[in-house]
Protein backbone atom coordinates (compact mmCIF):
# COMPACT_ATOMS: atom_id res chain seq x y z
CA MET A 1 50.16 120.32 76.69
CA SER A 2 50.97 116.62 75.46
CA THR A 3 50.15 115.36 71.98
CA THR A 4 46.99 112.96 72.53
CA PHE A 5 47.16 109.43 72.26
CA THR A 6 44.94 109.52 69.28
CA THR A 7 46.58 112.39 67.72
CA ARG A 8 49.83 110.15 67.90
CA LEU A 9 47.82 107.00 66.52
CA THR A 10 46.38 108.86 63.74
CA HIS A 11 49.51 110.15 62.55
CA LEU A 12 51.13 106.91 62.68
CA GLN A 13 48.27 105.33 60.81
CA LYS A 14 48.67 107.83 58.17
CA GLU A 15 52.52 107.80 58.15
CA LYS A 16 52.68 103.78 57.99
CA CYS A 17 49.26 103.20 56.45
CA THR A 18 48.37 100.46 58.88
CA ALA A 19 46.10 99.99 61.66
CA LEU A 20 47.73 96.71 63.05
CA CYS A 21 48.51 96.13 66.64
CA VAL A 22 50.79 93.03 67.03
CA GLY A 23 49.59 91.41 70.37
CA LEU A 24 52.99 90.07 72.14
CA ASP A 25 51.54 86.87 74.05
CA PRO A 26 54.98 84.59 74.18
CA ASP A 27 53.84 81.19 75.17
CA PRO A 28 56.95 79.27 76.41
CA GLU A 29 55.44 75.70 74.91
CA ARG A 30 54.53 77.32 71.30
CA LEU A 31 58.34 78.93 70.91
CA PRO A 32 60.01 77.74 67.67
CA GLY A 33 62.75 75.42 68.63
CA VAL A 34 65.46 77.87 67.22
CA VAL A 35 64.79 80.34 70.06
CA ALA A 36 63.76 77.99 72.40
CA PRO A 37 66.33 76.17 74.53
CA GLU A 38 65.19 73.92 77.38
CA ASP A 39 67.12 75.29 79.91
CA ASP A 40 66.42 79.11 79.37
CA VAL A 41 63.00 80.18 78.89
CA LEU A 42 63.74 83.70 79.81
CA GLU A 43 66.38 84.21 77.06
CA ALA A 44 63.81 82.08 74.41
CA THR A 45 61.06 84.54 75.05
CA ARG A 46 63.43 87.61 75.18
CA ARG A 47 64.74 86.61 71.54
CA PHE A 48 61.71 85.43 70.47
CA SER A 49 59.94 88.53 71.14
CA GLU A 50 62.48 90.70 69.57
CA ALA A 51 62.50 88.62 66.79
CA ILE A 52 58.79 89.26 66.12
CA ILE A 53 59.14 92.86 66.75
CA ASP A 54 61.89 93.25 64.08
CA ALA A 55 59.84 91.25 61.75
CA THR A 56 56.33 93.18 62.13
CA ALA A 57 57.18 96.53 63.29
CA PRO A 58 57.29 98.11 59.64
CA MET A 59 53.46 96.75 59.17
CA ALA A 60 52.26 97.88 62.68
CA CYS A 61 51.41 101.10 64.39
CA ALA A 62 50.94 99.51 67.78
CA PHE A 63 52.25 96.49 70.01
CA LYS A 64 50.22 95.24 72.94
CA LEU A 65 52.26 92.95 75.51
CA ASN A 66 50.11 90.53 77.46
CA PHE A 67 51.83 91.01 80.74
CA ALA A 68 50.58 87.75 82.02
CA PHE A 69 52.97 85.75 79.64
CA TYR A 70 56.00 87.67 81.08
CA GLU A 71 54.92 87.73 84.76
CA ALA A 72 54.36 83.86 84.70
CA LEU A 73 58.14 83.56 84.16
CA GLY A 74 58.82 84.53 87.83
CA PRO A 75 60.91 87.78 88.54
CA GLY A 76 63.31 87.26 85.63
CA GLY A 77 60.09 87.49 83.79
CA TRP A 78 59.77 91.27 84.55
CA ASP A 79 63.39 91.94 83.47
CA VAL A 80 62.22 90.39 80.20
CA LEU A 81 59.25 92.46 79.92
CA ARG A 82 61.32 95.54 80.59
CA GLU A 83 63.82 94.65 78.09
CA THR A 84 61.14 94.07 75.57
CA LEU A 85 59.42 97.38 76.03
CA ASP A 86 62.83 98.95 76.15
CA TYR A 87 63.38 97.27 72.45
CA LEU A 88 60.11 98.24 70.61
CA PRO A 89 60.90 101.03 68.15
CA ASP A 90 60.15 104.82 68.59
CA ASP A 91 57.28 104.71 65.60
CA VAL A 92 54.76 102.41 67.61
CA LEU A 93 52.58 102.92 70.35
CA VAL A 94 52.71 100.46 73.28
CA ILE A 95 49.73 99.07 75.34
CA ALA A 96 49.85 96.87 78.13
CA ASP A 97 47.41 94.40 77.90
CA VAL A 98 46.84 93.94 81.88
CA LYS A 99 42.83 94.19 82.24
CA ARG A 100 43.33 96.50 85.64
CA GLY A 101 40.19 97.03 87.45
CA ASP A 102 40.64 97.98 91.36
CA ILE A 103 39.51 101.15 93.31
CA GLY A 104 40.75 104.06 94.86
CA ASN A 105 44.61 104.02 95.75
CA THR A 106 45.31 100.45 94.21
CA ALA A 107 43.86 101.86 90.71
CA ARG A 108 45.97 104.87 91.36
CA PHE A 109 49.22 102.78 92.22
CA TYR A 110 48.40 100.33 88.79
CA ALA A 111 48.42 103.83 86.92
CA ALA A 112 51.65 105.01 88.00
CA SER A 113 53.08 101.50 87.34
CA LEU A 114 51.98 101.38 83.86
CA PHE A 115 52.28 105.14 82.78
CA ASP A 116 55.20 106.47 84.84
CA GLU A 117 57.30 103.54 85.67
CA LEU A 118 57.00 101.68 82.42
CA GLY A 119 56.18 104.43 80.14
CA VAL A 120 53.74 102.69 78.15
CA ASP A 121 51.01 104.46 75.91
CA ALA A 122 48.21 102.70 76.93
CA CYS A 123 46.48 99.82 78.75
CA THR A 124 43.07 98.04 79.15
CA VAL A 125 41.03 98.26 81.97
CA SER A 126 37.99 96.25 83.47
CA PRO A 127 34.80 98.83 84.21
CA TYR A 128 33.22 96.16 86.35
CA MET A 129 33.46 98.29 89.56
CA GLY A 130 32.76 101.53 88.21
CA GLN A 131 34.03 104.97 87.50
CA ASP A 132 36.44 105.27 90.44
CA THR A 133 38.10 102.07 89.14
CA VAL A 134 38.69 103.53 85.40
CA ARG A 135 39.22 107.30 86.45
CA PRO A 136 42.91 106.94 87.58
CA PHE A 137 43.84 105.69 84.23
CA LEU A 138 42.51 108.93 82.47
CA GLU A 139 44.34 111.14 84.53
CA ARG A 140 47.48 111.63 82.37
CA GLU A 141 47.64 113.47 79.16
CA GLY A 142 48.83 111.62 76.25
CA THR A 143 48.04 108.28 77.36
CA ALA A 144 44.64 106.03 76.86
CA ALA A 145 42.84 103.40 78.85
CA PHE A 146 40.76 100.88 76.40
CA VAL A 147 37.79 99.55 78.63
CA LEU A 148 36.42 96.21 77.86
CA ALA A 149 33.24 96.67 76.28
CA ARG A 150 32.19 93.57 74.22
CA THR A 151 34.72 91.00 74.45
CA SER A 152 35.21 87.88 72.03
CA ASN A 153 35.64 85.13 74.55
CA ALA A 154 33.30 82.43 75.01
CA GLY A 155 31.81 83.59 78.41
CA ALA A 156 31.18 87.28 77.36
CA ASN A 157 27.48 86.97 77.05
CA ASP A 158 27.31 85.87 80.83
CA PHE A 159 27.23 89.54 81.74
CA GLN A 160 27.55 91.79 78.70
CA LEU A 161 24.21 90.69 77.07
CA CYS A 162 22.24 91.82 80.58
CA THR A 163 19.96 94.56 80.02
CA THR A 164 19.24 97.65 82.24
CA ASP A 165 16.40 100.21 81.07
CA GLY A 166 16.16 97.99 77.77
CA GLU A 167 19.88 98.69 76.74
CA ALA A 168 22.36 95.92 76.73
CA LEU A 169 25.36 96.48 79.17
CA TYR A 170 28.27 96.42 76.69
CA LEU A 171 26.59 99.70 75.36
CA ARG A 172 25.95 101.14 78.73
CA VAL A 173 29.50 100.78 79.43
CA GLY A 174 30.59 102.65 76.26
CA ARG A 175 28.19 105.45 76.93
CA TYR A 176 29.46 105.80 80.37
CA VAL A 177 33.13 105.49 79.44
CA ARG A 178 32.54 108.10 76.81
CA ASP A 179 31.31 110.70 79.38
CA TRP A 180 33.95 109.88 81.81
CA ALA A 181 36.60 110.81 79.27
CA ALA A 182 34.80 113.88 78.29
CA ASP A 183 36.64 116.09 80.85
CA ALA A 184 39.68 113.84 81.59
CA PRO A 185 43.36 114.77 81.05
CA GLY A 186 43.95 111.54 78.92
CA GLU A 187 41.60 109.51 76.66
CA ALA A 188 39.55 106.32 76.76
CA GLY A 189 39.02 103.94 74.24
CA LEU A 190 37.13 100.46 74.27
CA VAL A 191 37.79 96.98 73.32
CA VAL A 192 35.50 95.22 71.13
CA GLY A 193 35.43 91.95 69.70
CA ALA A 194 35.91 91.43 65.88
CA THR A 195 33.68 88.36 66.42
CA LYS A 196 30.88 90.77 67.52
CA PRO A 197 30.27 93.14 64.40
CA ASP A 198 26.82 94.17 65.53
CA ALA A 199 28.41 95.63 68.30
CA ILE A 200 31.04 97.39 67.03
CA ALA A 201 28.40 99.19 64.77
CA GLN A 202 26.19 99.97 68.01
CA LEU A 203 29.26 101.36 69.74
CA ARG A 204 30.44 103.28 67.08
CA ALA A 205 27.33 105.02 66.76
CA ALA A 206 27.23 105.55 70.22
CA CYS A 207 30.60 106.53 70.68
CA PRO A 208 31.86 108.15 67.29
CA ALA A 209 35.10 109.64 68.67
CA LEU A 210 36.29 106.98 70.98
CA PRO A 211 39.26 104.92 69.89
CA PHE A 212 38.64 101.15 69.45
CA LEU A 213 40.92 98.48 70.01
CA ILE A 214 39.44 95.54 68.21
CA PRO A 215 40.90 92.05 68.98
CA GLY A 216 39.50 88.77 67.75
CA VAL A 217 40.58 88.62 63.72
CA GLY A 218 42.87 85.83 62.86
CA ALA A 219 42.82 82.91 65.27
CA GLN A 220 39.57 83.71 66.65
CA GLY A 221 37.58 84.22 63.49
CA GLY A 222 36.45 87.57 63.13
CA SER A 223 36.52 89.47 60.20
CA LEU A 224 39.22 92.00 59.53
CA LYS A 225 37.23 93.62 56.42
CA THR A 226 33.81 93.79 58.50
CA ALA A 227 35.63 95.26 61.63
CA MET A 228 37.35 97.94 59.50
CA GLU A 229 34.45 98.99 57.91
CA LEU A 230 32.35 98.93 61.02
CA GLY A 231 35.20 100.83 63.05
CA THR A 232 36.42 103.30 61.22
CA THR A 233 33.51 105.12 60.23
CA GLY A 234 32.95 108.76 61.44
CA ASP A 235 35.57 110.37 63.58
CA GLY A 236 36.43 107.11 65.28
CA THR A 237 40.22 105.39 64.91
CA VAL A 238 40.60 101.56 65.22
CA LEU A 239 43.62 99.45 66.18
CA ILE A 240 43.12 96.02 64.88
CA SER A 241 45.02 93.60 67.19
CA SER A 242 46.24 89.91 66.24
CA SER A 243 48.61 87.96 68.44
CA ARG A 244 48.48 84.10 67.71
CA SER A 245 48.18 84.32 64.10
CA ILE A 246 51.30 86.08 63.66
CA LEU A 247 53.27 84.98 66.47
CA TYR A 248 52.93 81.54 65.58
CA ALA A 249 52.39 81.50 61.76
CA SER A 250 55.46 79.24 61.68
CA PRO A 251 56.72 76.94 64.16
CA GLU A 252 60.23 76.55 62.38
CA GLU A 253 63.21 78.43 61.70
CA ASP A 254 61.38 80.71 59.41
CA PHE A 255 58.90 81.84 61.99
CA ALA A 256 59.79 85.56 62.24
CA GLU A 257 59.85 86.03 58.26
CA ALA A 258 56.30 84.09 58.36
CA ALA A 259 55.03 86.55 60.95
CA ALA A 260 56.19 89.44 58.48
CA VAL A 261 54.41 87.90 55.76
CA GLU A 262 51.44 87.43 57.83
CA ALA A 263 51.74 90.93 59.21
CA GLU A 264 52.05 92.48 55.71
CA ALA A 265 48.90 90.83 54.73
CA PHE A 266 47.01 92.57 57.68
CA ARG A 267 48.33 95.64 56.50
CA ASP A 268 47.38 95.35 53.07
CA THR A 269 43.84 94.46 53.75
CA MET A 270 43.46 97.73 55.66
CA ARG A 271 44.91 100.06 53.28
CA PRO A 272 41.55 101.11 51.63
CA TYR A 273 39.82 101.57 54.66
CA LEU A 274 42.50 103.87 56.08
CA ALA A 275 42.66 105.95 52.79
CA GLN A 276 38.81 106.46 53.19
CA SER A 277 38.79 107.40 56.98
């Protein structure tokens, strides 16, 4: 039987004393000039991704690759994506940030692409169309699907605060995902924005054992300390995802060194909470 995603995550967090997930969102318009030759954005993206990995991997237990930033580069972007995946060290987990959410065979093939072809450890999934869009991502032992619950974007309130039987939709999503994963070979987790501390607390109470992927710390203004305090209670584990504040800590030649400093600050803030969990 495969080791579960959560077991591997917990082991890495204890071994490296960190809950940091570095998000790789390489925006061509923000790449430092030292890696961004005007005539080769593919090579610049590859070099930037690898430099960030080298600089931050000691402080991270996971990396989250936002596929859109690679896909937008055309066919060559897929090659850079695969090269970046291959470049990641063994002592991190790999999350595909794709937010898939389709039904039937489409979801099944999306899952095969991510887990079987690309070999990622986890992915992000949208639950809007219901259980049959999520279930195919829960069929592989040792993997996980992080389902969008309470997100930190500006339009999140359009749907996520709607109530059903007196319960906010995001909380209902959390309870459903918890139940869907109960008898699945793989695992489910929840995406909960750090800018929504009340939701972190409510979802943790409702889903004490599910891992949480928590974006929104750093550039979006969420509190790292609050996210750790609320998310690491009970049996639940958390991954704190940071992208822009680490990737673009400096626009100069020292971008990798600045990224390492930022990642180290994240790790140092997390340590007391991991020691207590």
